[in-house]
Amino acid sequence: MITAQRAQEFGIDSQGENEPDVAFRERVSGILREQGHIIEAHEALRNCLYDDDPSGGVMEGIMGAMAGALHEKQYSRDGVGQVGDDIALGALASEPRKPEMSPETMLIACLLAR
């Protein structure tokens, strides 16, 4: 399990006896993101390596973190929220621009472009 490896590698408490897998992955990824380990945080959340992720979710999160950094934007106050923001920004950044954007998407795009 990649998440357990990342936890051990960075000195994060291992998964608790009654801790669900999803909660463990979120906890580890949040701590790693707060420490600035962006790639490892997204690998821990998805429980796979960035170069071995058939769905592309790890790279989407990394791309979102890069987009946020380029625009000097950070919306969350904690690591878990920031990982989620990275994923959302990555989804927006990788989506081809279409004139038929919904009002919500248009608003988010405007906020990101500042």
PDB file of N, CA and C in Angstrom:
ATOM      1  N   MET A   1       0.854  -1.182   0.000  1.00  0.00           N
ATOM      2  CA  MET A   1       0.000   0.000   0.000  1.00  0.00           C
ATOM      3  C   MET A   1       0.894   1.238   0.000  1.00  0.00           C
ATOM      4  N   ILE A   2       0.771   2.042  -1.026  1.00  0.00           N
ATOM      5  CA  ILE A   2       1.603   3.244  -1.185  1.00  0.00           C
ATOM      6  C   ILE A   2       1.401   4.201  -0.015  1.00  0.00           C
ATOM      7  N   THR A   3       0.168   4.351   0.431  1.00  0.00           N
ATOM      8  CA  THR A   3      -0.109   5.283   1.521  1.00  0.00           C
ATOM      9  C   THR A   3       0.661   4.889   2.776  1.00  0.00           C
ATOM     10  N   ALA A   4       0.666   3.612   3.099  1.00  0.00           N
ATOM     11  CA  ALA A   4       1.401   3.132   4.274  1.00  0.00           C
ATOM     12  C   ALA A   4       2.902   3.355   4.101  1.00  0.00           C
ATOM     13  N   GLN A   5       3.400   3.154   2.898  1.00  0.00           N
ATOM     14  CA  GLN A   5       4.819   3.402   2.627  1.00  0.00           C
ATOM     15  C   GLN A   5       5.164   4.868   2.825  1.00  0.00           C
ATOM     16  N   ARG A   6       4.300   5.761   2.320  1.00  0.00           N
ATOM     17  CA  ARG A   6       4.543   7.194   2.475  1.00  0.00           C
ATOM     18  C   ARG A   6       4.492   7.589   3.959  1.00  0.00           C
ATOM     19  N   ALA A   7       3.546   7.017   4.694  1.00  0.00           N
ATOM     20  CA  ALA A   7       3.443   7.323   6.123  1.00  0.00           C
ATOM     21  C   ALA A   7       4.729   6.920   6.837  1.00  0.00           C
ATOM     22  N   GLN A   8       5.215   5.730   6.564  1.00  0.00           N
ATOM     23  CA  GLN A   8       6.435   5.255   7.202  1.00  0.00           C
ATOM     24  C   GLN A   8       7.632   6.104   6.780  1.00  0.00           C
ATOM     25  N   GLU A   9       7.722   6.399   5.502  1.00  0.00           N
ATOM     26  CA  GLU A   9       8.838   7.176   4.955  1.00  0.00           C
ATOM     27  C   GLU A   9       8.941   8.557   5.583  1.00  0.00           C
ATOM     28  N   PHE A  10       7.794   9.186   5.896  1.00  0.00           N
ATOM     29  CA  PHE A  10       7.796  10.548   6.418  1.00  0.00           C
ATOM     30  C   PHE A  10       7.474  10.618   7.911  1.00  0.00           C
ATOM     31  N   GLY A  11       7.497   9.483   8.598  1.00  0.00           N
ATOM     32  CA  GLY A  11       7.311   9.476  10.043  1.00  0.00           C
ATOM     33  C   GLY A  11       5.904   9.818  10.501  1.00  0.00           C
ATOM     34  N   ILE A  12       4.912   9.452   9.719  1.00  0.00           N
ATOM     35  CA  ILE A  12       3.508   9.703  10.058  1.00  0.00           C
ATOM     36  C   ILE A  12       2.950   8.445  10.709  1.00  0.00           C
ATOM     37  N   ASP A  13       2.124   8.628  11.727  1.00  0.00           N
ATOM     38  CA  ASP A  13       1.537   7.481  12.413  1.00  0.00           C
ATOM     39  C   ASP A  13       0.871   6.537  11.427  1.00  0.00           C
ATOM     40  N   SER A  14       1.066   5.237  11.652  1.00  0.00           N
ATOM     41  CA  SER A  14       0.457   4.243  10.770  1.00  0.00           C
ATOM     42  C   SER A  14      -1.051   4.191  10.986  1.00  0.00           C
ATOM     43  N   GLN A  15      -1.714   3.440  10.138  1.00  0.00           N
ATOM     44  CA  GLN A  15      -3.170   3.351  10.178  1.00  0.00           C
ATOM     45  C   GLN A  15      -3.628   2.754  11.498  1.00  0.00           C
ATOM     46  N   GLY A  16      -4.576   3.442  12.131  1.00  0.00           N
ATOM     47  CA  GLY A  16      -5.124   2.965  13.383  1.00  0.00           C
ATOM     48  C   GLY A  16      -5.973   1.719  13.185  1.00  0.00           C
ATOM     49  N   GLU A  17      -6.146   0.971  14.241  1.00  0.00           N
ATOM     50  CA  GLU A  17      -6.884  -0.293  14.174  1.00  0.00           C
ATOM     51  C   GLU A  17      -8.299  -0.103  13.629  1.00  0.00           C
ATOM     52  N   ASN A  18      -8.977   0.938  14.051  1.00  0.00           N
ATOM     53  CA  ASN A  18     -10.344   1.194  13.604  1.00  0.00           C
ATOM     54  C   ASN A  18     -10.440   2.322  12.580  1.00  0.00           C
ATOM     55  N   GLU A  19      -9.309   2.725  12.036  1.00  0.00           N
ATOM     56  CA  GLU A  19      -9.294   3.821  11.063  1.00  0.00           C
ATOM     57  C   GLU A  19      -9.595   3.282   9.659  1.00  0.00           C
ATOM     58  N   PRO A  20     -10.660   3.744   9.032  1.00  0.00           N
ATOM     59  CA  PRO A  20     -10.967   3.279   7.673  1.00  0.00           C
ATOM     60  C   PRO A  20      -9.863   3.671   6.693  1.00  0.00           C
ATOM     61  N   ASP A  21      -9.725   2.913   5.616  1.00  0.00           N
ATOM     62  CA  ASP A  21      -8.690   3.186   4.612  1.00  0.00           C
ATOM     63  C   ASP A  21      -8.792   4.607   4.061  1.00  0.00           C
ATOM     64  N   VAL A  22     -10.017   5.048   3.777  1.00  0.00           N
ATOM     65  CA  VAL A  22     -10.198   6.389   3.208  1.00  0.00           C
ATOM     66  C   VAL A  22      -9.723   7.456   4.189  1.00  0.00           C
ATOM     67  N   ALA A  23     -10.054   7.301   5.451  1.00  0.00           N
ATOM     68  CA  ALA A  23      -9.634   8.275   6.466  1.00  0.00           C
ATOM     69  C   ALA A  23      -8.114   8.283   6.604  1.00  0.00           C
ATOM     70  N   PHE A  24      -7.507   7.113   6.554  1.00  0.00           N
ATOM     71  CA  PHE A  24      -6.053   7.016   6.633  1.00  0.00           C
ATOM     72  C   PHE A  24      -5.399   7.713   5.442  1.00  0.00           C
ATOM     73  N   ARG A  25      -5.905   7.457   4.246  1.00  0.00           N
ATOM     74  CA  ARG A  25      -5.343   8.081   3.057  1.00  0.00           C
ATOM     75  C   ARG A  25      -5.494   9.594   3.112  1.00  0.00           C
ATOM     76  N   GLU A  26      -6.641  10.083   3.567  1.00  0.00           N
ATOM     77  CA  GLU A  26      -6.839  11.529   3.684  1.00  0.00           C
ATOM     78  C   GLU A  26      -5.912  12.134   4.725  1.00  0.00           C
ATOM     79  N   ARG A  27      -5.757  11.459   5.856  1.00  0.00           N
ATOM     80  CA  ARG A  27      -4.896  11.983   6.924  1.00  0.00           C
ATOM     81  C   ARG A  27      -3.460  12.079   6.454  1.00  0.00           C
ATOM     82  N   VAL A  28      -2.962  11.015   5.849  1.00  0.00           N
ATOM     83  CA  VAL A  28      -1.567  11.007   5.386  1.00  0.00           C
ATOM     84  C   VAL A  28      -1.363  12.043   4.286  1.00  0.00           C
ATOM     85  N   SER A  29      -2.282  12.099   3.327  1.00  0.00           N
ATOM     86  CA  SER A  29      -2.114  13.066   2.238  1.00  0.00           C
ATOM     87  C   SER A  29      -2.174  14.499   2.756  1.00  0.00           C
ATOM     88  N   GLY A  30      -3.036  14.760   3.729  1.00  0.00           N
ATOM     89  CA  GLY A  30      -3.129  16.104   4.298  1.00  0.00           C
ATOM     90  C   GLY A  30      -1.849  16.525   4.994  1.00  0.00           C
ATOM     91  N   ILE A  31      -1.283  15.620   5.760  1.00  0.00           N
ATOM     92  CA  ILE A  31      -0.024  15.925   6.455  1.00  0.00           C
ATOM     93  C   ILE A  31       1.093  16.170   5.446  1.00  0.00           C
ATOM     94  N   LEU A  32       1.170  15.314   4.445  1.00  0.00           N
ATOM     95  CA  LEU A  32       2.216  15.481   3.431  1.00  0.00           C
ATOM     96  C   LEU A  32       2.052  16.797   2.679  1.00  0.00           C
ATOM     97  N   ARG A  33       0.812  17.162   2.376  1.00  0.00           N
ATOM     98  CA  ARG A  33       0.561  18.427   1.641  1.00  0.00           C
ATOM     99  C   ARG A  33       0.958  19.622   2.496  1.00  0.00           C
ATOM    100  N   GLU A  34       0.651  19.558   3.794  1.00  0.00           N
ATOM    101  CA  GLU A  34       1.046  20.646   4.698  1.00  0.00           C
ATOM    102  C   GLU A  34       2.561  20.781   4.766  1.00  0.00           C
ATOM    103  N   GLN A  35       3.269  19.660   4.608  1.00  0.00           N
ATOM    104  CA  GLN A  35       4.728  19.669   4.644  1.00  0.00           C
ATOM    105  C   GLN A  35       5.339  20.067   3.299  1.00  0.00           C
ATOM    106  N   GLY A  36       4.492  20.246   2.285  1.00  0.00           N
ATOM    107  CA  GLY A  36       4.979  20.657   0.976  1.00  0.00           C
ATOM    108  C   GLY A  36       5.338  19.520   0.048  1.00  0.00           C
ATOM    109  N   HIS A  37       5.004  18.289   0.404  1.00  0.00           N
ATOM    110  CA  HIS A  37       5.287  17.123  -0.431  1.00  0.00           C
ATOM    111  C   HIS A  37       4.082  16.870  -1.343  1.00  0.00           C
ATOM    112  N   ILE A  38       3.986  17.636  -2.398  1.00  0.00           N
ATOM    113  CA  ILE A  38       2.798  17.620  -3.260  1.00  0.00           C
ATOM    114  C   ILE A  38       2.622  16.280  -3.963  1.00  0.00           C
ATOM    115  N   ILE A  39       3.648  15.789  -4.600  1.00  0.00           N
ATOM    116  CA  ILE A  39       3.534  14.520  -5.331  1.00  0.00           C
ATOM    117  C   ILE A  39       3.175  13.394  -4.379  1.00  0.00           C
ATOM    118  N   GLU A  40       3.896  13.297  -3.278  1.00  0.00           N
ATOM    119  CA  GLU A  40       3.652  12.226  -2.321  1.00  0.00           C
ATOM    120  C   GLU A  40       2.261  12.323  -1.709  1.00  0.00           C
ATOM    121  N   ALA A  41       1.768  13.551  -1.508  1.00  0.00           N
ATOM    122  CA  ALA A  41       0.429  13.742  -0.947  1.00  0.00           C
ATOM    123  C   ALA A  41      -0.636  13.172  -1.877  1.00  0.00           C
ATOM    124  N   HIS A  42      -0.496  13.442  -3.151  1.00  0.00           N
ATOM    125  CA  HIS A  42      -1.486  12.948  -4.109  1.00  0.00           C
ATOM    126  C   HIS A  42      -1.336  11.445  -4.345  1.00  0.00           C
ATOM    127  N   GLU A  43      -0.116  10.945  -4.254  1.00  0.00           N
ATOM    128  CA  GLU A  43       0.068   9.496  -4.329  1.00  0.00           C
ATOM    129  C   GLU A  43      -0.588   8.812  -3.134  1.00  0.00           C
ATOM    130  N   ALA A  44      -0.430   9.389  -1.958  1.00  0.00           N
ATOM    131  CA  ALA A  44      -1.025   8.805  -0.754  1.00  0.00           C
ATOM    132  C   ALA A  44      -2.548   8.814  -0.830  1.00  0.00           C
ATOM    133  N   LEU A  45      -3.111   9.891  -1.327  1.00  0.00           N
ATOM    134  CA  LEU A  45      -4.566   9.958  -1.418  1.00  0.00           C
ATOM    135  C   LEU A  45      -5.110   8.911  -2.384  1.00  0.00           C
ATOM    136  N   ARG A  46      -4.458   8.749  -3.521  1.00  0.00           N
ATOM    137  CA  ARG A  46      -4.920   7.796  -4.541  1.00  0.00           C
ATOM    138  C   ARG A  46      -4.387   6.390  -4.301  1.00  0.00           C
ATOM    139  N   ASN A  47      -3.413   6.257  -3.397  1.00  0.00           N
ATOM    140  CA  ASN A  47      -2.792   4.980  -3.064  1.00  0.00           C
ATOM    141  C   ASN A  47      -2.135   4.335  -4.292  1.00  0.00           C
ATOM    142  N   CYS A  48      -1.513   5.173  -5.105  1.00  0.00           N
ATOM    143  CA  CYS A  48      -0.752   4.665  -6.246  1.00  0.00           C
ATOM    144  C   CYS A  48       0.295   5.708  -6.629  1.00  0.00           C
ATOM    145  N   LEU A  49       1.308   5.259  -7.336  1.00  0.00           N
ATOM    146  CA  LEU A  49       2.368   6.150  -7.773  1.00  0.00           C
ATOM    147  C   LEU A  49       1.903   6.999  -8.953  1.00  0.00           C
ATOM    148  N   TYR A  50       2.478   8.183  -9.090  1.00  0.00           N
ATOM    149  CA  TYR A  50       2.046   9.105 -10.144  1.00  0.00           C
ATOM    150  C   TYR A  50       2.229   8.512 -11.531  1.00  0.00           C
ATOM    151  N   ASP A  51       3.255   7.677 -11.708  1.00  0.00           N
ATOM    152  CA  ASP A  51       3.509   7.118 -13.028  1.00  0.00           C
ATOM    153  C   ASP A  51       2.879   5.736 -13.225  1.00  0.00           C
ATOM    154  N   ASP A  52       2.031   5.334 -12.273  1.00  0.00           N
ATOM    155  CA  ASP A  52       1.342   4.046 -12.365  1.00  0.00           C
ATOM    156  C   ASP A  52      -0.124   4.223 -11.982  1.00  0.00           C
ATOM    157  N   ASP A  53      -0.734   5.276 -12.497  1.00  0.00           N
ATOM    158  CA  ASP A  53      -2.129   5.601 -12.180  1.00  0.00           C
ATOM    159  C   ASP A  53      -2.926   5.648 -13.472  1.00  0.00           C
ATOM    160  N   PRO A  54      -3.635   4.567 -13.780  1.00  0.00           N
ATOM    161  CA  PRO A  54      -4.351   4.522 -15.063  1.00  0.00           C
ATOM    162  C   PRO A  54      -5.431   5.597 -15.210  1.00  0.00           C
ATOM    163  N   SER A  55      -5.981   6.078 -14.107  1.00  0.00           N
ATOM    164  CA  SER A  55      -7.039   7.091 -14.197  1.00  0.00           C
ATOM    165  C   SER A  55      -6.474   8.502 -14.339  1.00  0.00           C
ATOM    166  N   GLY A  56      -5.203   8.696 -14.020  1.00  0.00           N
ATOM    167  CA  GLY A  56      -4.593  10.020 -14.132  1.00  0.00           C
ATOM    168  C   GLY A  56      -4.917  10.952 -12.982  1.00  0.00           C
ATOM    169  N   GLY A  57      -5.517  10.453 -11.924  1.00  0.00           N
ATOM    170  CA  GLY A  57      -5.914  11.299 -10.803  1.00  0.00           C
ATOM    171  C   GLY A  57      -4.764  11.936 -10.054  1.00  0.00           C
ATOM    172  N   VAL A  58      -3.661  11.206  -9.923  1.00  0.00           N
ATOM    173  CA  VAL A  58      -2.499  11.769  -9.221  1.00  0.00           C
ATOM    174  C   VAL A  58      -1.953  12.959 -10.003  1.00  0.00           C
ATOM    175  N   MET A  59      -1.784  12.790 -11.304  1.00  0.00           N
ATOM    176  CA  MET A  59      -1.255  13.883 -12.127  1.00  0.00           C
ATOM    177  C   MET A  59      -2.216  15.062 -12.166  1.00  0.00           C
ATOM    178  N   GLU A  60      -3.521  14.800 -12.143  1.00  0.00           N
ATOM    179  CA  GLU A  60      -4.496  15.883 -12.125  1.00  0.00           C
ATOM    180  C   GLU A  60      -4.321  16.735 -10.863  1.00  0.00           C
ATOM    181  N   GLY A  61      -4.116  16.079  -9.726  1.00  0.00           N
ATOM    182  CA  GLY A  61      -3.887  16.807  -8.487  1.00  0.00           C
ATOM    183  C   GLY A  61      -2.595  17.601  -8.509  1.00  0.00           C
ATOM    184  N   ILE A  62      -1.552  17.000  -9.049  1.00  0.00           N
ATOM    185  CA  ILE A  62      -0.262  17.688  -9.147  1.00  0.00           C
ATOM    186  C   ILE A  62      -0.388  18.902 -10.068  1.00  0.00           C
ATOM    187  N   MET A  63      -1.082  18.725 -11.190  1.00  0.00           N
ATOM    188  CA  MET A  63      -1.285  19.835 -12.116  1.00  0.00           C
ATOM    189  C   MET A  63      -2.075  20.952 -11.437  1.00  0.00           C
ATOM    190  N   GLY A  64      -3.062  20.592 -10.636  1.00  0.00           N
ATOM    191  CA  GLY A  64      -3.838  21.601  -9.917  1.00  0.00           C
ATOM    192  C   GLY A  64      -2.988  22.357  -8.913  1.00  0.00           C
ATOM    193  N   ALA A  65      -2.099  21.649  -8.223  1.00  0.00           N
ATOM    194  CA  ALA A  65      -1.194  22.315  -7.281  1.00  0.00           C
ATOM    195  C   ALA A  65      -0.287  23.295  -8.012  1.00  0.00           C
ATOM    196  N   MET A  66       0.176  22.903  -9.200  1.00  0.00           N
ATOM    197  CA  MET A  66       1.012  23.794 -10.003  1.00  0.00           C
ATOM    198  C   MET A  66       0.219  25.015 -10.465  1.00  0.00           C
ATOM    199  N   ALA A  67      -1.023  24.799 -10.885  1.00  0.00           N
ATOM    200  CA  ALA A  67      -1.861  25.923 -11.323  1.00  0.00           C
ATOM    201  C   ALA A  67      -2.093  26.892 -10.174  1.00  0.00           C
ATOM    202  N   GLY A  68      -2.362  26.361  -8.995  1.00  0.00           N
ATOM    203  CA  GLY A  68      -2.555  27.221  -7.829  1.00  0.00           C
ATOM    204  C   GLY A  68      -1.302  28.003  -7.490  1.00  0.00           C
ATOM    205  N   ALA A  69      -0.149  27.345  -7.590  1.00  0.00           N
ATOM    206  CA  ALA A  69       1.112  28.023  -7.293  1.00  0.00           C
ATOM    207  C   ALA A  69       1.407  29.114  -8.326  1.00  0.00           C
ATOM    208  N   LEU A  70       1.128  28.835  -9.597  1.00  0.00           N
ATOM    209  CA  LEU A  70       1.374  29.837 -10.640  1.00  0.00           C
ATOM    210  C   LEU A  70       0.513  31.071 -10.451  1.00  0.00           C
ATOM    211  N   HIS A  71      -0.687  30.875  -9.927  1.00  0.00           N
ATOM    212  CA  HIS A  71      -1.592  32.002  -9.690  1.00  0.00           C
ATOM    213  C   HIS A  71      -1.495  32.526  -8.260  1.00  0.00           C
ATOM    214  N   GLU A  72      -0.554  31.960  -7.500  1.00  0.00           N
ATOM    215  CA  GLU A  72      -0.352  32.340  -6.104  1.00  0.00           C
ATOM    216  C   GLU A  72      -1.656  32.274  -5.323  1.00  0.00           C
ATOM    217  N   LYS A  73      -2.407  31.179  -5.519  1.00  0.00           N
ATOM    218  CA  LYS A  73      -3.692  30.979  -4.845  1.00  0.00           C
ATOM    219  C   LYS A  73      -3.611  29.759  -3.945  1.00  0.00           C
ATOM    220  N   GLN A  74      -4.108  29.929  -2.746  1.00  0.00           N
ATOM    221  CA  GLN A  74      -4.281  28.816  -1.822  1.00  0.00           C
ATOM    222  C   GLN A  74      -5.571  29.095  -1.074  1.00  0.00           C
ATOM    223  N   TYR A  75      -6.546  28.224  -1.245  1.00  0.00           N
ATOM    224  CA  TYR A  75      -7.867  28.483  -0.711  1.00  0.00           C
ATOM    225  C   TYR A  75      -8.116  27.800   0.628  1.00  0.00           C
ATOM    226  N   SER A  76      -7.468  26.704   0.878  1.00  0.00           N
ATOM    227  CA  SER A  76      -7.719  25.934   2.098  1.00  0.00           C
ATOM    228  C   SER A  76      -6.727  26.298   3.177  1.00  0.00           C
ATOM    229  N   ARG A  77      -7.150  26.067   4.394  1.00  0.00           N
ATOM    230  CA  ARG A  77      -6.281  26.359   5.532  1.00  0.00           C
ATOM    231  C   ARG A  77      -5.575  25.116   6.053  1.00  0.00           C
ATOM    232  N   ASP A  78      -5.988  23.938   5.577  1.00  0.00           N
ATOM    233  CA  ASP A  78      -5.327  22.714   6.038  1.00  0.00           C
ATOM    234  C   ASP A  78      -4.949  21.847   4.842  1.00  0.00           C
ATOM    235  N   GLY A  79      -4.105  20.861   5.102  1.00  0.00           N
ATOM    236  CA  GLY A  79      -3.584  20.028   4.029  1.00  0.00           C
ATOM    237  C   GLY A  79      -4.631  19.194   3.323  1.00  0.00           C
ATOM    238  N   VAL A  80      -5.569  18.633   4.072  1.00  0.00           N
ATOM    239  CA  VAL A  80      -6.603  17.803   3.455  1.00  0.00           C
ATOM    240  C   VAL A  80      -7.438  18.643   2.490  1.00  0.00           C
ATOM    241  N   GLY A  81      -7.833  19.821   2.903  1.00  0.00           N
ATOM    242  CA  GLY A  81      -8.590  20.709   2.028  1.00  0.00           C
ATOM    243  C   GLY A  81      -7.784  21.134   0.818  1.00  0.00           C
ATOM    244  N   GLN A  82      -6.494  21.366   1.016  1.00  0.00           N
ATOM    245  CA  GLN A  82      -5.640  21.793  -0.093  1.00  0.00           C
ATOM    246  C   GLN A  82      -5.501  20.688  -1.127  1.00  0.00           C
ATOM    247  N   VAL A  83      -5.408  19.436  -0.686  1.00  0.00           N
ATOM    248  CA  VAL A  83      -5.346  18.319  -1.634  1.00  0.00           C
ATOM    249  C   VAL A  83      -6.618  18.302  -2.481  1.00  0.00           C
ATOM    250  N   GLY A  84      -7.757  18.499  -1.847  1.00  0.00           N
ATOM    251  CA  GLY A  84      -9.019  18.563  -2.585  1.00  0.00           C
ATOM    252  C   GLY A  84      -9.050  19.731  -3.551  1.00  0.00           C
ATOM    253  N   ASP A  85      -8.542  20.876  -3.121  1.00  0.00           N
ATOM    254  CA  ASP A  85      -8.470  22.044  -4.009  1.00  0.00           C
ATOM    255  C   ASP A  85      -7.551  21.776  -5.192  1.00  0.00           C
ATOM    256  N   ASP A  86      -6.434  21.089  -4.945  1.00  0.00           N
ATOM    257  CA  ASP A  86      -5.515  20.735  -6.026  1.00  0.00           C
ATOM    258  C   ASP A  86      -6.240  19.929  -7.099  1.00  0.00           C
ATOM    259  N   ILE A  87      -7.038  18.965  -6.649  1.00  0.00           N
ATOM    260  CA  ILE A  87      -7.762  18.103  -7.586  1.00  0.00           C
ATOM    261  C   ILE A  87      -8.766  18.926  -8.387  1.00  0.00           C
ATOM    262  N   ALA A  88      -9.491  19.795  -7.704  1.00  0.00           N
ATOM    263  CA  ALA A  88     -10.479  20.638  -8.400  1.00  0.00           C
ATOM    264  C   ALA A  88      -9.802  21.564  -9.401  1.00  0.00           C
ATOM    265  N   LEU A  89      -8.701  22.191  -8.996  1.00  0.00           N
ATOM    266  CA  LEU A  89      -7.975  23.079  -9.909  1.00  0.00           C
ATOM    267  C   LEU A  89      -7.412  22.303 -11.095  1.00  0.00           C
ATOM    268  N   GLY A  90      -6.921  21.090 -10.828  1.00  0.00           N
ATOM    269  CA  GLY A  90      -6.398  20.257 -11.902  1.00  0.00           C
ATOM    270  C   GLY A  90      -7.467  19.882 -12.906  1.00  0.00           C
ATOM    271  N   ALA A  91      -8.661  19.588 -12.416  1.00  0.00           N
ATOM    272  CA  ALA A  91      -9.769  19.257 -13.310  1.00  0.00           C
ATOM    273  C   ALA A  91     -10.120  20.453 -14.188  1.00  0.00           C
ATOM    274  N   LEU A  92     -10.143  21.628 -13.601  1.00  0.00           N
ATOM    275  CA  LEU A  92     -10.449  22.832 -14.380  1.00  0.00           C
ATOM    276  C   LEU A  92      -9.337  23.165 -15.370  1.00  0.00           C
ATOM    277  N   ALA A  93      -8.107  23.031 -14.925  1.00  0.00           N
ATOM    278  CA  ALA A  93      -6.984  23.381 -15.790  1.00  0.00           C
ATOM    279  C   ALA A  93      -6.862  22.421 -16.965  1.00  0.00           C
ATOM    280  N   SER A  94      -7.255  21.174 -16.786  1.00  0.00           N
ATOM    281  CA  SER A  94      -7.119  20.202 -17.863  1.00  0.00           C
ATOM    282  C   SER A  94      -8.333  20.143 -18.774  1.00  0.00           C
ATOM    283  N   GLU A  95      -9.409  20.791 -18.386  1.00  0.00           N
ATOM    284  CA  GLU A  95     -10.635  20.795 -19.196  1.00  0.00           C
ATOM    285  C   GLU A  95     -10.476  21.769 -20.351  1.00  0.00           C
ATOM    286  N   PRO A  96     -10.728  21.317 -21.567  1.00  0.00           N
ATOM    287  CA  PRO A  96     -10.652  22.258 -22.691  1.00  0.00           C
ATOM    288  C   PRO A  96     -11.678  23.372 -22.524  1.00  0.00           C
ATOM    289  N   ARG A  97     -11.295  24.554 -22.887  1.00  0.00           N
ATOM    290  CA  ARG A  97     -12.215  25.691 -22.756  1.00  0.00           C
ATOM    291  C   ARG A  97     -13.315  25.572 -23.795  1.00  0.00           C
ATOM    292  N   LYS A  98     -14.517  25.746 -23.317  1.00  0.00           N
ATOM    293  CA  LYS A  98     -15.679  25.644 -24.193  1.00  0.00           C
ATOM    294  C   LYS A  98     -16.532  26.883 -23.996  1.00  0.00           C
ATOM    295  N   PRO A  99     -17.103  27.407 -25.054  1.00  0.00           N
ATOM    296  CA  PRO A  99     -17.943  28.588 -24.898  1.00  0.00           C
ATOM    297  C   PRO A  99     -19.212  28.300 -24.112  1.00  0.00           C
ATOM    298  N   GLU A 100     -19.650  27.041 -24.047  1.00  0.00           N
ATOM    299  CA  GLU A 100     -20.871  26.712 -23.351  1.00  0.00           C
ATOM    300  C   GLU A 100     -20.622  26.361 -21.875  1.00  0.00           C
ATOM    301  N   MET A 101     -19.712  27.076 -21.239  1.00  0.00           N
ATOM    302  CA  MET A 101     -19.443  26.839 -19.824  1.00  0.00           C
ATOM    303  C   MET A 101     -20.660  27.190 -18.985  1.00  0.00           C
ATOM    304  N   SER A 102     -20.857  26.396 -17.941  1.00  0.00           N
ATOM    305  CA  SER A 102     -21.939  26.708 -17.010  1.00  0.00           C
ATOM    306  C   SER A 102     -21.576  27.962 -16.227  1.00  0.00           C
ATOM    307  N   PRO A 103     -22.547  28.648 -15.650  1.00  0.00           N
ATOM    308  CA  PRO A 103     -22.232  29.851 -14.860  1.00  0.00           C
ATOM    309  C   PRO A 103     -21.288  29.553 -13.703  1.00  0.00           C
ATOM    310  N   GLU A 104     -21.436  28.386 -13.088  1.00  0.00           N
ATOM    311  CA  GLU A 104     -20.557  28.038 -11.962  1.00  0.00           C
ATOM    312  C   GLU A 104     -19.117  27.875 -12.422  1.00  0.00           C
ATOM    313  N   THR A 105     -18.935  27.171 -13.546  1.00  0.00           N
ATOM    314  CA  THR A 105     -17.590  26.968 -14.084  1.00  0.00           C
ATOM    315  C   THR A 105     -16.980  28.292 -14.520  1.00  0.00           C
ATOM    316  N   MET A 106     -17.781  29.145 -15.125  1.00  0.00           N
ATOM    317  CA  MET A 106     -17.316  30.463 -15.538  1.00  0.00           C
ATOM    318  C   MET A 106     -16.830  31.259 -14.335  1.00  0.00           C
ATOM    319  N   LEU A 107     -17.580  31.208 -13.237  1.00  0.00           N
ATOM    320  CA  LEU A 107     -17.190  31.921 -12.024  1.00  0.00           C
ATOM    321  C   LEU A 107     -15.875  31.384 -11.480  1.00  0.00           C
ATOM    322  N   ILE A 108     -15.734  30.076 -11.426  1.00  0.00           N
ATOM    323  CA  ILE A 108     -14.495  29.481 -10.923  1.00  0.00           C
ATOM    324  C   ILE A 108     -13.322  29.859 -11.831  1.00  0.00           C
ATOM    325  N   ALA A 109     -13.531  29.811 -13.141  1.00  0.00           N
ATOM    326  CA  ALA A 109     -12.472  30.174 -14.080  1.00  0.00           C
ATOM    327  C   ALA A 109     -12.045  31.630 -13.890  1.00  0.00           C
ATOM    328  N   CYS A 110     -13.004  32.498 -13.657  1.00  0.00           N
ATOM    329  CA  CYS A 110     -12.675  33.909 -13.418  1.00  0.00           C
ATOM    330  C   CYS A 110     -11.884  34.088 -12.137  1.00  0.00           C
ATOM    331  N   LEU A 111     -12.259  33.366 -11.103  1.00  0.00           N
ATOM    332  CA  LEU A 111     -11.526  33.453  -9.836  1.00  0.00           C
ATOM    333  C   LEU A 111     -10.110  32.960  -9.978  1.00  0.00           C
ATOM    334  N   LEU A 112      -9.907  31.915 -10.764  1.00  0.00           N
ATOM    335  CA  LEU A 112      -8.573  31.348 -10.952  1.00  0.00           C
ATOM    336  C   LEU A 112      -7.686  32.230 -11.819  1.00  0.00           C
ATOM    337  N   ALA A 113      -8.278  32.999 -12.686  1.00  0.00           N
ATOM    338  CA  ALA A 113      -7.513  33.816 -13.628  1.00  0.00           C
ATOM    339  C   ALA A 113      -6.983  35.092 -12.996  1.00  0.00           C
ATOM    340  N   ARG A 114      -7.378  35.388 -11.817  1.00  0.00           N
ATOM    341  CA  ARG A 114      -6.936  36.644 -11.179  1.00  0.00           C
ATOM    342  C   ARG A 114      -5.476  36.648 -10.909  1.00  0.00           C
TER     343      ARG A 114
END
